[in-house]
């Protein structure tokens, strides 16, 4: 399940993923992405991972149409195993992608905001 966080503002989409992401989770992001793009800005995505298990490739491909519209993606995870999500984000080739441990969540938020 993908939950929007209060940190979402301007061109930053802040989310928390629990367990398994599904197609319906991505549908939550589309209106926000389009709103950012209509302002002439690039998307910055803060993704906090809790107990991440699976990201289905076919569901993930639904977001790929916007891959060029992302400038930064920040993943925050509880353990080293959560770093594997970085490989799934490779289609976002124009975006800067970083992984932070949950202990460095503040640094992650600062990085995603920084211009």
PDB file of N, CA and C in Angstrom:
ATOM      1  N   UNK A   1       0.838  -1.166   0.000  1.00  0.00           N
ATOM      2  CA  UNK A   1       0.000   0.000   0.000  1.00  0.00           C
ATOM      3  C   UNK A   1       0.891   1.240   0.000  1.00  0.00           C
ATOM      4  N   UNK A   2       0.496   2.229  -0.760  1.00  0.00           N
ATOM      5  CA  UNK A   2       1.239   3.476  -0.854  1.00  0.00           C
ATOM      6  C   UNK A   2       0.440   4.574  -0.164  1.00  0.00           C
ATOM      7  N   UNK A   3       1.060   5.200   0.817  1.00  0.00           N
ATOM      8  CA  UNK A   3       0.399   6.237   1.608  1.00  0.00           C
ATOM      9  C   UNK A   3       1.093   7.571   1.343  1.00  0.00           C
ATOM     10  N   UNK A   4       0.301   8.616   1.079  1.00  0.00           N
ATOM     11  CA  UNK A   4       0.862   9.955   0.922  1.00  0.00           C
ATOM     12  C   UNK A   4       1.191  10.519   2.293  1.00  0.00           C
ATOM     13  N   UNK A   5       2.335  11.169   2.391  1.00  0.00           N
ATOM     14  CA  UNK A   5       2.768  11.773   3.648  1.00  0.00           C
ATOM     15  C   UNK A   5       2.548  13.280   3.607  1.00  0.00           C
ATOM     16  N   UNK A   6       2.452  13.892   4.781  1.00  0.00           N
ATOM     17  CA  UNK A   6       2.233  15.335   4.881  1.00  0.00           C
ATOM     18  C   UNK A   6       3.364  16.140   4.256  1.00  0.00           C
ATOM     19  N   UNK A   7       4.495  15.540   4.099  1.00  0.00           N
ATOM     20  CA  UNK A   7       5.674  16.163   3.515  1.00  0.00           C
ATOM     21  C   UNK A   7       5.450  16.524   2.032  1.00  0.00           C
ATOM     22  N   UNK A   8       4.391  15.978   1.418  1.00  0.00           N
ATOM     23  CA  UNK A   8       4.065  16.261   0.021  1.00  0.00           C
ATOM     24  C   UNK A   8       3.721  17.735  -0.136  1.00  0.00           C
ATOM     25  N   UNK A   9       4.442  18.409  -1.040  1.00  0.00           N
ATOM     26  CA  UNK A   9       4.159  19.820  -1.318  1.00  0.00           C
ATOM     27  C   UNK A   9       4.918  20.254  -2.563  1.00  0.00           C
ATOM     28  N   UNK A  10       4.450  21.329  -3.191  1.00  0.00           N
ATOM     29  CA  UNK A  10       5.074  21.908  -4.373  1.00  0.00           C
ATOM     30  C   UNK A  10       5.351  20.812  -5.404  1.00  0.00           C
ATOM     31  N   UNK A  11       6.607  20.498  -5.673  1.00  0.00           N
ATOM     32  CA  UNK A  11       6.918  19.450  -6.653  1.00  0.00           C
ATOM     33  C   UNK A  11       7.434  18.165  -5.991  1.00  0.00           C
ATOM     34  N   UNK A  12       7.227  18.041  -4.689  1.00  0.00           N
ATOM     35  CA  UNK A  12       7.661  16.850  -3.949  1.00  0.00           C
ATOM     36  C   UNK A  12       6.459  15.958  -3.643  1.00  0.00           C
ATOM     37  N   UNK A  13       6.581  14.698  -4.056  1.00  0.00           N
ATOM     38  CA  UNK A  13       5.591  13.688  -3.690  1.00  0.00           C
ATOM     39  C   UNK A  13       6.250  12.826  -2.627  1.00  0.00           C
ATOM     40  N   UNK A  14       5.716  12.857  -1.423  1.00  0.00           N
ATOM     41  CA  UNK A  14       6.266  12.074  -0.314  1.00  0.00           C
ATOM     42  C   UNK A  14       5.321  10.911  -0.025  1.00  0.00           C
ATOM     43  N   UNK A  15       5.870   9.700  -0.060  1.00  0.00           N
ATOM     44  CA  UNK A  15       5.057   8.510   0.133  1.00  0.00           C
ATOM     45  C   UNK A  15       5.741   7.527   1.071  1.00  0.00           C
ATOM     46  N   UNK A  16       4.918   6.643   1.610  1.00  0.00           N
ATOM     47  CA  UNK A  16       5.422   5.536   2.419  1.00  0.00           C
ATOM     48  C   UNK A  16       4.818   4.262   1.845  1.00  0.00           C
ATOM     49  N   UNK A  17       5.665   3.294   1.554  1.00  0.00           N
ATOM     50  CA  UNK A  17       5.219   2.024   0.988  1.00  0.00           C
ATOM     51  C   UNK A  17       5.294   0.944   2.051  1.00  0.00           C
ATOM     52  N   UNK A  18       4.197   0.249   2.251  1.00  0.00           N
ATOM     53  CA  UNK A  18       4.144  -0.883   3.161  1.00  0.00           C
ATOM     54  C   UNK A  18       3.949  -2.147   2.343  1.00  0.00           C
ATOM     55  N   UNK A  19       4.785  -3.117   2.571  1.00  0.00           N
ATOM     56  CA  UNK A  19       4.630  -4.441   1.993  1.00  0.00           C
ATOM     57  C   UNK A  19       4.669  -4.427   0.470  1.00  0.00           C
ATOM     58  N   UNK A  20       3.532  -4.572  -0.178  1.00  0.00           N
ATOM     59  CA  UNK A  20       3.454  -4.791  -1.611  1.00  0.00           C
ATOM     60  C   UNK A  20       2.733  -3.637  -2.300  1.00  0.00           C
ATOM     61  N   UNK A  21       3.315  -3.127  -3.379  1.00  0.00           N
ATOM     62  CA  UNK A  21       2.680  -2.054  -4.135  1.00  0.00           C
ATOM     63  C   UNK A  21       1.837  -2.648  -5.252  1.00  0.00           C
ATOM     64  N   UNK A  22       0.667  -2.058  -5.461  1.00  0.00           N
ATOM     65  CA  UNK A  22      -0.266  -2.552  -6.474  1.00  0.00           C
ATOM     66  C   UNK A  22      -0.653  -1.420  -7.416  1.00  0.00           C
ATOM     67  N   UNK A  23      -1.331  -1.779  -8.501  1.00  0.00           N
ATOM     68  CA  UNK A  23      -1.717  -0.801  -9.523  1.00  0.00           C
ATOM     69  C   UNK A  23      -2.500   0.367  -8.929  1.00  0.00           C
ATOM     70  N   UNK A  24      -3.386   0.101  -7.999  1.00  0.00           N
ATOM     71  CA  UNK A  24      -4.180   1.159  -7.377  1.00  0.00           C
ATOM     72  C   UNK A  24      -3.334   2.185  -6.648  1.00  0.00           C
ATOM     73  N   UNK A  25      -2.193   1.748  -6.150  1.00  0.00           N
ATOM     74  CA  UNK A  25      -1.287   2.666  -5.461  1.00  0.00           C
ATOM     75  C   UNK A  25      -0.724   3.697  -6.426  1.00  0.00           C
ATOM     76  N   UNK A  26      -0.412   3.267  -7.628  1.00  0.00           N
ATOM     77  CA  UNK A  26       0.149   4.180  -8.617  1.00  0.00           C
ATOM     78  C   UNK A  26      -0.879   5.203  -9.073  1.00  0.00           C
ATOM     79  N   UNK A  27      -2.136   4.795  -9.104  1.00  0.00           N
ATOM     80  CA  UNK A  27      -3.201   5.704  -9.529  1.00  0.00           C
ATOM     81  C   UNK A  27      -3.287   6.919  -8.612  1.00  0.00           C
ATOM     82  N   UNK A  28      -2.884   6.768  -7.367  1.00  0.00           N
ATOM     83  CA  UNK A  28      -2.863   7.897  -6.429  1.00  0.00           C
ATOM     84  C   UNK A  28      -1.855   8.960  -6.865  1.00  0.00           C
ATOM     85  N   UNK A  29      -0.777   8.524  -7.486  1.00  0.00           N
ATOM     86  CA  UNK A  29       0.298   9.441  -7.862  1.00  0.00           C
ATOM     87  C   UNK A  29       0.008  10.231  -9.134  1.00  0.00           C
ATOM     88  N   UNK A  30      -0.708   9.658 -10.069  1.00  0.00           N
ATOM     89  CA  UNK A  30      -0.892  10.291 -11.374  1.00  0.00           C
ATOM     90  C   UNK A  30      -1.453  11.706 -11.310  1.00  0.00           C
ATOM     91  N   UNK A  31      -2.523  11.975 -10.578  1.00  0.00           N
ATOM     92  CA  UNK A  31      -3.027  13.358 -10.536  1.00  0.00           C
ATOM     93  C   UNK A  31      -2.013  14.327  -9.930  1.00  0.00           C
ATOM     94  N   UNK A  32      -1.251  13.853  -8.965  1.00  0.00           N
ATOM     95  CA  UNK A  32      -0.241  14.711  -8.329  1.00  0.00           C
ATOM     96  C   UNK A  32       0.889  14.993  -9.316  1.00  0.00           C
ATOM     97  N   UNK A  33       1.307  13.975 -10.040  1.00  0.00           N
ATOM     98  CA  UNK A  33       2.351  14.151 -11.054  1.00  0.00           C
ATOM     99  C   UNK A  33       1.897  15.161 -12.098  1.00  0.00           C
ATOM    100  N   UNK A  34       0.688  15.000 -12.599  1.00  0.00           N
ATOM    101  CA  UNK A  34       0.176  15.913 -13.627  1.00  0.00           C
ATOM    102  C   UNK A  34       0.052  17.339 -13.105  1.00  0.00           C
ATOM    103  N   UNK A  35      -0.330  17.494 -11.867  1.00  0.00           N
ATOM    104  CA  UNK A  35      -0.425  18.826 -11.263  1.00  0.00           C
ATOM    105  C   UNK A  35       0.950  19.503 -11.223  1.00  0.00           C
ATOM    106  N   UNK A  36       1.969  18.753 -10.868  1.00  0.00           N
ATOM    107  CA  UNK A  36       3.341  19.280 -10.827  1.00  0.00           C
ATOM    108  C   UNK A  36       3.796  19.673 -12.231  1.00  0.00           C
ATOM    109  N   UNK A  37       3.508  18.815 -13.199  1.00  0.00           N
ATOM    110  CA  UNK A  37       3.942  19.070 -14.576  1.00  0.00           C
ATOM    111  C   UNK A  37       3.251  20.287 -15.182  1.00  0.00           C
ATOM    112  N   UNK A  38       1.989  20.507 -14.826  1.00  0.00           N
ATOM    113  CA  UNK A  38       1.290  21.687 -15.359  1.00  0.00           C
ATOM    114  C   UNK A  38       1.871  22.982 -14.808  1.00  0.00           C
ATOM    115  N   UNK A  39       2.583  22.900 -13.706  1.00  0.00           N
ATOM    116  CA  UNK A  39       3.271  24.070 -13.143  1.00  0.00           C
ATOM    117  C   UNK A  39       4.640  24.273 -13.795  1.00  0.00           C
ATOM    118  N   UNK A  40       4.998  23.381 -14.731  1.00  0.00           N
ATOM    119  CA  UNK A  40       6.279  23.484 -15.415  1.00  0.00           C
ATOM    120  C   UNK A  40       7.461  23.005 -14.591  1.00  0.00           C
ATOM    121  N   UNK A  41       7.195  22.168 -13.610  1.00  0.00           N
ATOM    122  CA  UNK A  41       8.258  21.668 -12.733  1.00  0.00           C
ATOM    123  C   UNK A  41       8.499  20.188 -12.966  1.00  0.00           C
ATOM    124  N   UNK A  42       9.637  19.718 -12.489  1.00  0.00           N
ATOM    125  CA  UNK A  42       9.962  18.293 -12.496  1.00  0.00           C
ATOM    126  C   UNK A  42       9.570  17.694 -11.144  1.00  0.00           C
ATOM    127  N   UNK A  43       9.292  16.410 -11.146  1.00  0.00           N
ATOM    128  CA  UNK A  43       8.831  15.706  -9.949  1.00  0.00           C
ATOM    129  C   UNK A  43      10.015  15.251  -9.102  1.00  0.00           C
ATOM    130  N   UNK A  44       9.861  15.420  -7.800  1.00  0.00           N
ATOM    131  CA  UNK A  44      10.795  14.868  -6.817  1.00  0.00           C
ATOM    132  C   UNK A  44       9.993  13.898  -5.956  1.00  0.00           C
ATOM    133  N   UNK A  45      10.476  12.655  -5.860  1.00  0.00           N
ATOM    134  CA  UNK A  45       9.730  11.617  -5.169  1.00  0.00           C
ATOM    135  C   UNK A  45      10.521  11.118  -3.974  1.00  0.00           C
ATOM    136  N   UNK A  46       9.928  11.276  -2.796  1.00  0.00           N
ATOM    137  CA  UNK A  46      10.464  10.747  -1.545  1.00  0.00           C
ATOM    138  C   UNK A  46       9.685   9.468  -1.264  1.00  0.00           C
ATOM    139  N   UNK A  47      10.374   8.336  -1.212  1.00  0.00           N
ATOM    140  CA  UNK A  47       9.724   7.043  -1.005  1.00  0.00           C
ATOM    141  C   UNK A  47      10.306   6.368   0.224  1.00  0.00           C
ATOM    142  N   UNK A  48       9.507   6.307   1.275  1.00  0.00           N
ATOM    143  CA  UNK A  48       9.911   5.629   2.506  1.00  0.00           C
ATOM    144  C   UNK A  48       9.383   4.201   2.441  1.00  0.00           C
ATOM    145  N   UNK A  49      10.258   3.253   2.725  1.00  0.00           N
ATOM    146  CA  UNK A  49       9.921   1.842   2.586  1.00  0.00           C
ATOM    147  C   UNK A  49       9.837   1.193   3.961  1.00  0.00           C
ATOM    148  N   UNK A  50       8.725   0.525   4.221  1.00  0.00           N
ATOM    149  CA  UNK A  50       8.559  -0.223   5.469  1.00  0.00           C
ATOM    150  C   UNK A  50       8.135  -1.645   5.104  1.00  0.00           C
ATOM    151  N   UNK A  51       8.936  -2.609   5.450  1.00  0.00           N
ATOM    152  CA  UNK A  51       8.611  -4.017   5.165  1.00  0.00           C
ATOM    153  C   UNK A  51       8.356  -4.255   3.687  1.00  0.00           C
ATOM    154  N   UNK A  52       9.204  -3.725   2.846  1.00  0.00           N
ATOM    155  CA  UNK A  52       9.003  -3.854   1.407  1.00  0.00           C
ATOM    156  C   UNK A  52       9.190  -5.294   0.970  1.00  0.00           C
ATOM    157  N   UNK A  53       8.220  -5.814   0.215  1.00  0.00           N
ATOM    158  CA  UNK A  53       8.281  -7.195  -0.248  1.00  0.00           C
ATOM    159  C   UNK A  53       8.332  -7.313  -1.762  1.00  0.00           C
ATOM    160  N   UNK A  54       7.537  -6.524  -2.448  1.00  0.00           N
ATOM    161  CA  UNK A  54       7.418  -6.757  -3.883  1.00  0.00           C
ATOM    162  C   UNK A  54       6.955  -5.504  -4.609  1.00  0.00           C
ATOM    163  N   UNK A  55       7.503  -5.321  -5.802  1.00  0.00           N
ATOM    164  CA  UNK A  55       7.057  -4.261  -6.695  1.00  0.00           C
ATOM    165  C   UNK A  55       6.895  -4.932  -8.040  1.00  0.00           C
ATOM    166  N   UNK A  56       5.682  -5.199  -8.429  1.00  0.00           N
ATOM    167  CA  UNK A  56       5.409  -5.943  -9.650  1.00  0.00           C
ATOM    168  C   UNK A  56       5.836  -5.149 -10.877  1.00  0.00           C
ATOM    169  N   UNK A  57       6.614  -5.767 -11.757  1.00  0.00           N
ATOM    170  CA  UNK A  57       7.142  -5.079 -12.938  1.00  0.00           C
ATOM    171  C   UNK A  57       6.056  -4.504 -13.834  1.00  0.00           C
ATOM    172  N   UNK A  58       4.977  -5.261 -14.077  1.00  0.00           N
ATOM    173  CA  UNK A  58       3.943  -4.753 -14.974  1.00  0.00           C
ATOM    174  C   UNK A  58       3.222  -3.560 -14.355  1.00  0.00           C
ATOM    175  N   UNK A  59       3.042  -3.556 -13.061  1.00  0.00           N
ATOM    176  CA  UNK A  59       2.433  -2.410 -12.395  1.00  0.00           C
ATOM    177  C   UNK A  59       3.395  -1.231 -12.404  1.00  0.00           C
ATOM    178  N   UNK A  60       4.647  -1.504 -12.227  1.00  0.00           N
ATOM    179  CA  UNK A  60       5.650  -0.452 -12.232  1.00  0.00           C
ATOM    180  C   UNK A  60       5.695   0.248 -13.585  1.00  0.00           C
ATOM    181  N   UNK A  61       5.527  -0.506 -14.659  1.00  0.00           N
ATOM    182  CA  UNK A  61       5.602   0.061 -16.005  1.00  0.00           C
ATOM    183  C   UNK A  61       4.550   1.139 -16.246  1.00  0.00           C
ATOM    184  N   UNK A  62       3.481   1.143 -15.483  1.00  0.00           N
ATOM    185  CA  UNK A  62       2.466   2.185 -15.628  1.00  0.00           C
ATOM    186  C   UNK A  62       3.040   3.558 -15.313  1.00  0.00           C
ATOM    187  N   UNK A  63       4.036   3.634 -14.494  1.00  0.00           N
ATOM    188  CA  UNK A  63       4.657   4.908 -14.125  1.00  0.00           C
ATOM    189  C   UNK A  63       5.746   5.323 -15.104  1.00  0.00           C
ATOM    190  N   UNK A  64       6.221   4.391 -15.893  1.00  0.00           N
ATOM    191  CA  UNK A  64       7.362   4.665 -16.753  1.00  0.00           C
ATOM    192  C   UNK A  64       7.078   5.786 -17.741  1.00  0.00           C
ATOM    193  N   UNK A  65       5.835   5.978 -18.130  1.00  0.00           N
ATOM    194  CA  UNK A  65       5.516   7.043 -19.085  1.00  0.00           C
ATOM    195  C   UNK A  65       5.936   8.409 -18.554  1.00  0.00           C
ATOM    196  N   UNK A  66       6.126   8.527 -17.260  1.00  0.00           N
ATOM    197  CA  UNK A  66       6.548   9.789 -16.648  1.00  0.00           C
ATOM    198  C   UNK A  66       8.020   9.776 -16.238  1.00  0.00           C
ATOM    199  N   UNK A  67       8.768   8.782 -16.670  1.00  0.00           N
ATOM    200  CA  UNK A  67      10.145   8.644 -16.176  1.00  0.00           C
ATOM    201  C   UNK A  67      11.010   9.865 -16.461  1.00  0.00           C
ATOM    202  N   UNK A  68      10.791  10.536 -17.574  1.00  0.00           N
ATOM    203  CA  UNK A  68      11.584  11.727 -17.905  1.00  0.00           C
ATOM    204  C   UNK A  68      11.175  12.954 -17.096  1.00  0.00           C
ATOM    205  N   UNK A  69      10.069  12.853 -16.387  1.00  0.00           N
ATOM    206  CA  UNK A  69       9.545  13.993 -15.630  1.00  0.00           C
ATOM    207  C   UNK A  69      10.019  14.026 -14.181  1.00  0.00           C
ATOM    208  N   UNK A  70      10.847  13.069 -13.795  1.00  0.00           N
ATOM    209  CA  UNK A  70      11.380  13.012 -12.435  1.00  0.00           C
ATOM    210  C   UNK A  70      12.808  13.536 -12.428  1.00  0.00           C
ATOM    211  N   UNK A  71      13.116  14.434 -11.471  1.00  0.00           N
ATOM    212  CA  UNK A  71      14.495  14.910 -11.362  1.00  0.00           C
ATOM    213  C   UNK A  71      15.231  14.303 -10.172  1.00  0.00           C
ATOM    214  N   UNK A  72      14.499  13.926  -9.125  1.00  0.00           N
ATOM    215  CA  UNK A  72      15.112  13.305  -7.951  1.00  0.00           C
ATOM    216  C   UNK A  72      14.178  12.237  -7.392  1.00  0.00           C
ATOM    217  N   UNK A  73      14.781  11.132  -6.968  1.00  0.00           N
ATOM    218  CA  UNK A  73      14.042  10.087  -6.261  1.00  0.00           C
ATOM    219  C   UNK A  73      14.878   9.700  -5.052  1.00  0.00           C
ATOM    220  N   UNK A  74      14.251   9.759  -3.898  1.00  0.00           N
ATOM    221  CA  UNK A  74      14.929   9.451  -2.651  1.00  0.00           C
ATOM    222  C   UNK A  74      14.217   8.277  -1.984  1.00  0.00           C
ATOM    223  N   UNK A  75      14.927   7.188  -1.782  1.00  0.00           N
ATOM    224  CA  UNK A  75      14.369   6.016  -1.109  1.00  0.00           C
ATOM    225  C   UNK A  75      14.949   5.935   0.296  1.00  0.00           C
ATOM    226  N   UNK A  76      14.085   5.722   1.258  1.00  0.00           N
ATOM    227  CA  UNK A  76      14.497   5.598   2.653  1.00  0.00           C
ATOM    228  C   UNK A  76      14.033   4.228   3.138  1.00  0.00           C
ATOM    229  N   UNK A  77      14.979   3.409   3.599  1.00  0.00           N
ATOM    230  CA  UNK A  77      14.627   2.059   4.014  1.00  0.00           C
ATOM    231  C   UNK A  77      15.145   1.704   5.384  1.00  0.00           C
ATOM    232  N   UNK A  78      14.547   0.681   5.947  1.00  0.00           N
ATOM    233  CA  UNK A  78      14.884   0.242   7.299  1.00  0.00           C
ATOM    234  C   UNK A  78      16.138  -0.624   7.333  1.00  0.00           C
ATOM    235  N   UNK A  79      16.445  -1.285   6.218  1.00  0.00           N
ATOM    236  CA  UNK A  79      17.612  -2.166   6.224  1.00  0.00           C
ATOM    237  C   UNK A  79      18.261  -2.232   4.845  1.00  0.00           C
ATOM    238  N   UNK A  80      19.396  -2.892   4.779  1.00  0.00           N
ATOM    239  CA  UNK A  80      20.164  -2.979   3.528  1.00  0.00           C
ATOM    240  C   UNK A  80      19.390  -3.694   2.420  1.00  0.00           C
ATOM    241  N   UNK A  81      18.523  -4.628   2.781  1.00  0.00           N
ATOM    242  CA  UNK A  81      17.739  -5.345   1.771  1.00  0.00           C
ATOM    243  C   UNK A  81      16.824  -4.408   0.994  1.00  0.00           C
ATOM    244  N   UNK A  82      16.411  -3.323   1.625  1.00  0.00           N
ATOM    245  CA  UNK A  82      15.524  -2.376   0.951  1.00  0.00           C
ATOM    246  C   UNK A  82      16.220  -1.644  -0.192  1.00  0.00           C
ATOM    247  N   UNK A  83      17.549  -1.694  -0.220  1.00  0.00           N
ATOM    248  CA  UNK A  83      18.298  -1.046  -1.306  1.00  0.00           C
ATOM    249  C   UNK A  83      17.982  -1.658  -2.667  1.00  0.00           C
ATOM    250  N   UNK A  84      17.451  -2.863  -2.678  1.00  0.00           N
ATOM    251  CA  UNK A  84      17.167  -3.527  -3.956  1.00  0.00           C
ATOM    252  C   UNK A  84      16.140  -2.768  -4.778  1.00  0.00           C
ATOM    253  N   UNK A  85      15.362  -1.904  -4.147  1.00  0.00           N
ATOM    254  CA  UNK A  85      14.385  -1.117  -4.893  1.00  0.00           C
ATOM    255  C   UNK A  85      15.069  -0.175  -5.883  1.00  0.00           C
ATOM    256  N   UNK A  86      16.306   0.196  -5.606  1.00  0.00           N
ATOM    257  CA  UNK A  86      17.046   1.091  -6.498  1.00  0.00           C
ATOM    258  C   UNK A  86      17.127   0.494  -7.905  1.00  0.00           C
ATOM    259  N   UNK A  87      17.323  -0.814  -8.009  1.00  0.00           N
ATOM    260  CA  UNK A  87      17.413  -1.446  -9.332  1.00  0.00           C
ATOM    261  C   UNK A  87      16.103  -1.327 -10.105  1.00  0.00           C
ATOM    262  N   UNK A  88      14.985  -1.275  -9.409  1.00  0.00           N
ATOM    263  CA  UNK A  88      13.692  -1.119 -10.073  1.00  0.00           C
ATOM    264  C   UNK A  88      13.466   0.307 -10.566  1.00  0.00           C
ATOM    265  N   UNK A  89      14.239   1.240 -10.064  1.00  0.00           N
ATOM    266  CA  UNK A  89      14.075   2.642 -10.443  1.00  0.00           C
ATOM    267  C   UNK A  89      14.975   3.042 -11.606  1.00  0.00           C
ATOM    268  N   UNK A  90      15.705   2.106 -12.183  1.00  0.00           N
ATOM    269  CA  UNK A  90      16.616   2.417 -13.284  1.00  0.00           C
ATOM    270  C   UNK A  90      15.939   3.056 -14.497  1.00  0.00           C
ATOM    271  N   UNK A  91      14.670   2.752 -14.809  1.00  0.00           N
ATOM    272  CA  UNK A  91      14.036   3.431 -15.943  1.00  0.00           C
ATOM    273  C   UNK A  91      13.954   4.960 -15.780  1.00  0.00           C
ATOM    274  N   UNK A  92      14.079   5.436 -14.562  1.00  0.00           N
ATOM    275  CA  UNK A  92      14.085   6.879 -14.316  1.00  0.00           C
ATOM    276  C   UNK A  92      15.509   7.396 -14.533  1.00  0.00           C
ATOM    277  N   UNK A  93      16.007   7.214 -15.746  1.00  0.00           N
ATOM    278  CA  UNK A  93      17.423   7.456 -16.055  1.00  0.00           C
ATOM    279  C   UNK A  93      17.847   8.909 -15.922  1.00  0.00           C
ATOM    280  N   UNK A  94      16.916   9.845 -16.027  1.00  0.00           N
ATOM    281  CA  UNK A  94      17.266  11.263 -15.912  1.00  0.00           C
ATOM    282  C   UNK A  94      17.235  11.756 -14.467  1.00  0.00           C
ATOM    283  N   UNK A  95      16.745  10.931 -13.575  1.00  0.00           N
ATOM    284  CA  UNK A  95      16.610  11.338 -12.172  1.00  0.00           C
ATOM    285  C   UNK A  95      17.859  10.975 -11.368  1.00  0.00           C
ATOM    286  N   UNK A  96      18.185  11.845 -10.424  1.00  0.00           N
ATOM    287  CA  UNK A  96      19.194  11.497  -9.425  1.00  0.00           C
ATOM    288  C   UNK A  96      18.495  10.580  -8.424  1.00  0.00           C
ATOM    289  N   UNK A  97      19.098   9.454  -8.114  1.00  0.00           N
ATOM    290  CA  UNK A  97      18.478   8.490  -7.202  1.00  0.00           C
ATOM    291  C   UNK A  97      19.432   8.217  -6.050  1.00  0.00           C
ATOM    292  N   UNK A  98      18.903   8.334  -4.839  1.00  0.00           N
ATOM    293  CA  UNK A  98      19.711   8.054  -3.638  1.00  0.00           C
ATOM    294  C   UNK A  98      18.925   7.187  -2.665  1.00  0.00           C
ATOM    295  N   UNK A  99      19.677   6.418  -1.883  1.00  0.00           N
ATOM    296  CA  UNK A  99      19.097   5.602  -0.824  1.00  0.00           C
ATOM    297  C   UNK A  99      19.650   6.077   0.512  1.00  0.00           C
ATOM    298  N   UNK A 100      18.764   6.218   1.491  1.00  0.00           N
ATOM    299  CA  UNK A 100      19.154   6.601   2.854  1.00  0.00           C
ATOM    300  C   UNK A 100      18.580   5.581   3.831  1.00  0.00           C
ATOM    301  N   UNK A 101      19.297   5.343   4.907  1.00  0.00           N
ATOM    302  CA  UNK A 101      18.757   4.494   5.971  1.00  0.00           C
ATOM    303  C   UNK A 101      17.716   5.304   6.739  1.00  0.00           C
ATOM    304  N   UNK A 102      16.839   4.623   7.422  1.00  0.00           N
ATOM    305  CA  UNK A 102      15.766   5.283   8.170  1.00  0.00           C
ATOM    306  C   UNK A 102      16.335   6.226   9.234  1.00  0.00           C
ATOM    307  N   UNK A 103      17.523   5.901   9.734  1.00  0.00           N
ATOM    308  CA  UNK A 103      18.168   6.756  10.732  1.00  0.00           C
ATOM    309  C   UNK A 103      18.562   8.112  10.136  1.00  0.00           C
ATOM    310  N   UNK A 104      18.735   8.157   8.824  1.00  0.00           N
ATOM    311  CA  UNK A 104      19.126   9.387   8.132  1.00  0.00           C
ATOM    312  C   UNK A 104      17.969  10.013   7.359  1.00  0.00           C
ATOM    313  N   UNK A 105      16.775   9.763   7.829  1.00  0.00           N
ATOM    314  CA  UNK A 105      15.562  10.264   7.189  1.00  0.00           C
ATOM    315  C   UNK A 105      15.579  11.792   7.049  1.00  0.00           C
ATOM    316  N   UNK A 106      16.082  12.481   8.043  1.00  0.00           N
ATOM    317  CA  UNK A 106      16.173  13.943   7.988  1.00  0.00           C
ATOM    318  C   UNK A 106      17.067  14.409   6.855  1.00  0.00           C
ATOM    319  N   UNK A 107      18.199  13.723   6.660  1.00  0.00           N
ATOM    320  CA  UNK A 107      19.098  14.046   5.551  1.00  0.00           C
ATOM    321  C   UNK A 107      18.425  13.780   4.210  1.00  0.00           C
ATOM    322  N   UNK A 108      17.644  12.719   4.151  1.00  0.00           N
ATOM    323  CA  UNK A 108      16.926  12.379   2.921  1.00  0.00           C
ATOM    324  C   UNK A 108      15.927  13.474   2.561  1.00  0.00           C
ATOM    325  N   UNK A 109      15.186  13.944   3.555  1.00  0.00           N
ATOM    326  CA  UNK A 109      14.215  15.015   3.313  1.00  0.00           C
ATOM    327  C   UNK A 109      14.916  16.297   2.876  1.00  0.00           C
ATOM    328  N   UNK A 110      16.051  16.587   3.490  1.00  0.00           N
ATOM    329  CA  UNK A 110      16.811  17.785   3.117  1.00  0.00           C
ATOM    330  C   UNK A 110      17.311  17.670   1.679  1.00  0.00           C
ATOM    331  N   UNK A 111      17.786  16.491   1.288  1.00  0.00           N
ATOM    332  CA  UNK A 111      18.301  16.303  -0.067  1.00  0.00           C
ATOM    333  C   UNK A 111      17.203  16.464  -1.114  1.00  0.00           C
ATOM    334  N   UNK A 112      16.034  15.891  -0.860  1.00  0.00           N
ATOM    335  CA  UNK A 112      14.955  15.952  -1.852  1.00  0.00           C
ATOM    336  C   UNK A 112      14.457  17.390  -2.029  1.00  0.00           C
ATOM    337  N   UNK A 113      14.567  18.200  -0.982  1.00  0.00           N
ATOM    338  CA  UNK A 113      14.150  19.608  -1.058  1.00  0.00           C
ATOM    339  C   UNK A 113      15.202  20.493  -1.717  1.00  0.00           C
ATOM    340  N   UNK A 114      16.464  20.103  -1.588  1.00  0.00           N
ATOM    341  CA  UNK A 114      17.576  20.934  -2.053  1.00  0.00           C
ATOM    342  C   UNK A 114      17.578  21.077  -3.574  1.00  0.00           C
ATOM    343  N   UNK A 115      17.846  22.299  -4.035  1.00  0.00           N
ATOM    344  CA  UNK A 115      17.853  22.539  -5.489  1.00  0.00           C
ATOM    345  C   UNK A 115      19.204  22.373  -6.110  1.00  0.00           C
TER     346      UNK A 115
END
